[in-house]
C-alpha cells in the first residue's frame, strides 16, 4: 500500500471519529465534495497532526457549503 493511500485511510478514520460518522458516511462525504482529490493534491498535510488535518478538511468542506447527512 502506498504512503498516500495510508494517509487517505488515516484521514478517513480520524475524520469519522471527529464527526461521529460511519465509515460509509465519511467516504460518501469525501467523494461528494472532492476531499480525496484535495488530500492527494495536498499530501504535504501528512506532516501535520490529526487535529490540524480535521480542521483543514472542515475549512475545505465549509468553503463548498458541504452538508453532512446522517
Protein backbone atom coordinates (compact mmCIF):
# COMPACT_ATOMS: atom_id res chain seq x y z
CA UNK A 1 0.00 0.00 0.00
CA UNK A 2 1.34 3.43 -0.92
CA UNK A 3 2.05 6.10 1.68
CA UNK A 4 -0.57 8.30 0.02
CA UNK A 5 -3.20 5.57 0.43
CA UNK A 6 -2.21 5.08 4.07
CA UNK A 7 -2.58 8.82 4.62
CA UNK A 8 -6.01 8.84 2.97
CA UNK A 9 -7.20 5.99 5.19
CA UNK A 10 -5.77 7.79 8.22
CA UNK A 11 -7.75 10.90 7.27
CA UNK A 12 -11.00 8.98 6.77
CA UNK A 13 -10.66 7.20 10.10
CA UNK A 14 -9.77 10.33 12.03
CA UNK A 15 -12.45 12.48 10.43
CA UNK A 16 -15.01 9.73 11.02
CA UNK A 17 -14.29 9.77 14.76
CA UNK A 18 -14.01 13.55 14.88
CA UNK A 19 -17.52 14.00 13.43
CA UNK A 20 -19.07 10.81 14.86
CA UNK A 21 -19.82 9.46 11.38
CA UNK A 22 -19.79 5.97 10.00
CA UNK A 23 -17.11 4.97 7.53
CA UNK A 24 -19.71 4.91 4.77
CA UNK A 25 -20.90 8.44 5.60
CA UNK A 26 -17.35 9.73 5.63
CA UNK A 27 -16.42 8.13 2.31
CA UNK A 28 -19.61 9.44 0.70
CA UNK A 29 -18.90 12.94 2.06
CA UNK A 30 -15.30 12.85 0.82
CA UNK A 31 -16.42 11.58 -2.60
CA UNK A 32 -19.24 14.11 -2.96
CA UNK A 33 -17.07 17.13 -2.20
CA UNK A 34 -13.74 16.06 -3.67
CA UNK A 35 -11.88 15.64 -0.39
CA UNK A 36 -9.96 12.63 -1.72
CA UNK A 37 -8.62 14.74 -4.59
CA UNK A 38 -7.78 17.51 -2.14
CA UNK A 39 -5.85 15.11 0.10
CA UNK A 40 -3.90 13.76 -2.89
CA UNK A 41 -3.08 17.27 -4.07
CA UNK A 42 -2.02 18.42 -0.62
CA UNK A 43 -0.28 15.29 0.58
CA UNK A 44 2.06 17.61 2.49
CA UNK A 45 -0.66 17.66 5.15
CA UNK A 46 0.70 14.29 6.28
CA UNK A 47 3.40 16.25 8.11
CA UNK A 48 0.81 17.85 10.41
CA UNK A 49 -1.24 16.45 13.27
CA UNK A 50 -4.68 14.89 13.03
CA UNK A 51 -6.38 17.91 14.66
CA UNK A 52 -4.88 20.23 12.04
CA UNK A 53 -5.93 17.89 9.24
CA UNK A 54 -9.50 17.62 10.57
CA UNK A 55 -9.70 21.41 10.85
CA UNK A 56 -8.32 21.80 7.32
CA UNK A 57 -10.89 19.35 5.95
CA UNK A 58 -13.61 21.33 7.77
CA UNK A 59 -12.41 24.55 6.12
CA UNK A 60 -12.36 22.83 2.73
CA UNK A 61 -15.89 21.44 3.20
CA UNK A 62 -17.27 24.72 4.56
CA UNK A 63 -15.94 26.54 1.50
CA UNK A 64 -18.06 24.16 -0.59
CA UNK A 65 -21.16 24.53 1.60
CA UNK A 66 -20.99 20.83 2.38
CA UNK A 67 -23.71 19.21 4.41
CA UNK A 68 -23.15 16.10 6.47
CA UNK A 69 -26.11 13.76 6.32
CA UNK A 70 -26.73 11.16 8.97
